[in-house]
Protein backbone atom coordinates (compact mmCIF):
# COMPACT_ATOMS: atom_id res chain seq x y z
CA MET A 1 0.00 0.00 0.00
CA LYS A 2 2.88 2.35 0.79
CA THR A 3 4.25 1.74 -2.71
CA LYS A 4 0.96 2.68 -4.34
CA THR A 5 0.62 5.80 -2.22
CA LEU A 6 4.13 7.04 -3.02
CA LEU A 7 3.81 6.31 -6.71
CA LEU A 8 0.47 8.09 -6.89
CA VAL A 9 1.95 11.08 -5.07
CA CYS A 10 4.81 11.17 -7.60
CA ILE A 11 2.38 11.21 -10.52
CA PHE A 12 0.19 13.88 -8.92
CA VAL A 13 3.24 16.06 -8.17
CA GLY A 14 4.25 15.76 -11.81
CA ILE A 15 0.76 16.59 -13.02
CA ALA A 16 0.43 19.45 -10.53
CA SER A 17 3.70 20.85 -11.86
CA LEU A 18 2.18 21.34 -15.30
CA SER A 19 2.09 24.96 -16.29
CA LEU A 20 -1.19 26.30 -17.64
CA ASN A 21 0.33 27.26 -20.95
CA ALA A 22 1.42 23.66 -21.51
CA GLN A 23 -2.21 22.69 -21.93
CA ASN A 24 -2.30 24.62 -25.18
CA LYS A 25 0.70 22.78 -26.64
CA ALA A 26 -0.44 19.84 -28.75
CA ASN A 27 2.24 17.11 -28.88
CA LYS A 28 4.92 19.41 -27.48
CA ALA A 29 7.16 18.76 -24.51
CA ASP A 30 7.29 20.86 -21.38
CA GLN A 31 9.81 20.55 -18.57
CA GLY A 32 10.68 21.71 -15.09
CA TRP A 33 12.45 20.98 -11.80
CA TYR A 34 11.38 20.21 -8.27
CA SER A 35 12.91 18.88 -5.05
CA SER A 36 11.47 16.00 -3.07
CA ALA A 37 12.21 13.11 -0.73
CA TYR A 38 12.99 9.67 -2.16
CA TRP A 39 11.40 6.25 -1.80
CA SER A 40 12.21 2.99 -3.57
CA PRO A 41 12.47 -0.70 -2.80
CA VAL A 42 15.81 -2.30 -3.75
CA TYR A 43 15.90 -5.83 -5.15
CA CYS A 44 18.73 -8.30 -5.82
CA ASP A 45 17.86 -11.38 -7.87
CA GLY A 46 14.15 -10.84 -7.19
CA VAL A 47 14.62 -10.54 -3.40
CA LEU A 48 13.86 -7.31 -1.52
CA VAL A 49 17.13 -6.28 0.20
CA ASP A 50 16.41 -2.70 1.28
CA VAL A 51 13.93 0.15 1.13
CA LEU A 52 15.33 3.62 0.71
CA GLU A 53 13.25 6.57 1.87
CA GLY A 54 13.75 10.20 2.76
CA GLY A 55 16.87 12.08 1.77
CA GLU A 56 16.98 14.90 -0.74
CA ILE A 57 16.52 14.52 -4.47
CA THR A 58 16.22 16.86 -7.40
CA VAL A 59 13.87 15.85 -10.19
CA HIS A 60 13.99 17.10 -13.76
CA TYR A 61 10.77 16.19 -15.58
CA VAL A 62 9.83 16.32 -19.25
CA PHE A 63 6.29 15.54 -20.28
CA ARG A 64 4.17 15.37 -23.41
CA LEU A 65 0.44 15.86 -23.76
CA PHE A 66 -2.00 14.07 -26.03
CA LYS A 67 -3.23 15.99 -29.07
CA ASN A 68 -6.35 17.17 -27.26
CA GLY A 69 -4.09 18.80 -24.66
CA SER A 70 -6.01 17.58 -21.63
CA VAL A 71 -4.42 14.20 -20.83
CA LEU A 72 -0.81 13.48 -19.91
CA ALA A 73 0.55 10.85 -22.31
CA LYS A 74 4.12 10.37 -21.09
CA GLU A 75 6.52 11.82 -18.54
CA ILE A 76 10.24 11.17 -18.14
CA ASP A 77 11.96 12.12 -14.86
CA GLN A 78 15.68 12.23 -14.16
CA ILE A 79 16.47 12.01 -10.46
CA LYS A 80 19.69 12.81 -8.60
CA GLY A 81 20.34 13.04 -4.88
CA THR A 82 21.21 11.13 -1.72
CA VAL A 83 19.32 9.05 0.82
CA GLU A 84 20.27 7.05 3.90
CA SER A 85 19.12 3.42 4.18
CA SER A 86 17.83 1.82 7.38
CA SER A 87 21.33 0.33 7.85
CA GLY A 88 22.88 3.82 7.91
CA GLU A 89 24.56 3.53 4.51
CA VAL A 90 24.22 6.70 2.45
CA PHE A 91 23.38 6.15 -1.22
CA LYS A 92 24.01 8.47 -4.15
CA ILE A 93 21.00 8.15 -6.46
CA ARG A 94 20.85 8.34 -10.23
CA GLU A 95 17.49 7.28 -11.60
CA THR A 96 15.31 7.64 -14.68
CA ASP A 97 11.55 7.25 -14.31
CA LYS A 98 9.00 6.87 -17.08
CA TYR A 99 5.23 7.26 -16.69
CA GLU A 100 3.10 6.17 -19.64
CA TYR A 101 -0.59 5.78 -20.18
CA VAL A 102 -1.10 2.42 -21.94
CA ASP A 103 -4.57 1.12 -21.06
CA GLY A 104 -3.80 2.44 -17.56
CA TRP A 105 -0.80 4.12 -16.00
CA VAL A 106 2.52 2.25 -16.09
CA PHE A 107 5.49 3.50 -14.05
CA THR A 108 8.99 2.15 -14.84
CA TRP A 109 12.12 3.24 -13.03
CA HIS A 110 15.78 2.44 -13.70
CA TYR A 111 17.94 3.03 -10.65
CA ASN A 112 21.68 3.22 -10.03
CA LEU A 113 22.42 3.40 -6.28
CA ILE A 114 26.00 3.78 -5.04
CA GLY A 115 26.51 3.41 -1.29
CA ASP A 116 29.28 4.93 0.81
CA ARG A 117 30.04 1.46 2.26
CA GLY A 118 30.62 -0.23 -1.08
CA SER A 119 27.10 -1.36 -1.98
CA HIS A 120 26.09 -0.78 -5.60
CA TYR A 121 22.63 -1.62 -6.94
CA ILE A 122 21.47 -1.24 -10.53
CA GLY A 123 17.97 -2.33 -11.47
CA THR A 124 14.64 -1.81 -13.16
CA LEU A 125 11.18 -1.92 -11.58
CA THR A 126 7.80 -1.55 -13.28
CA TYR A 127 4.55 -0.80 -11.48
CA TYR A 128 1.14 -1.28 -13.14
CA TYR A 129 -1.42 0.98 -11.46
CA LYS A 130 -4.38 -0.84 -12.99
CA THR A 131 -3.45 -4.20 -11.43
CA GLY A 132 -1.24 -3.07 -8.53
CA GLU A 133 1.51 -5.40 -9.80
CA LEU A 134 5.19 -4.58 -9.23
CA VAL A 135 7.52 -6.38 -11.65
CA VAL A 136 11.21 -6.66 -10.80
CA GLY A 137 13.32 -6.43 -13.95
CA HIS A 138 17.02 -7.09 -14.38
CA THR A 139 19.16 -6.28 -11.32
CA THR A 140 22.89 -6.13 -10.71
CA CYS A 141 24.12 -6.05 -7.12
CA ASN A 142 27.64 -5.61 -5.73
């Protein structure tokens, strides 16, 4: 449930960040920046190994609207920042998120997490809002 709540908040923050003049741009991109806290589960070989939350991140978003200008079709976010895990390790975050509307919202994020104690996690997660399913993609853990 916490995952759904955070992911919905992320989408609503992105949508709320839309400028009014962007609604008049058919098939054009608009962009912006905002700061936020971070949250993400971390998986190794399909097993949950950590949950990172809090910290400080900067998000650069780029979004496109459908032709009618009223529905968000796709948003790409680039995230940078740091967050401390429950173990006390501080992670530098580099992440790319993609929100798409394909018969329901689909959220995919590619993360690269480098810890100050030598941990390094690279992975892909996809969340399907319509079904509530979280799919763990390829992961590399050191």
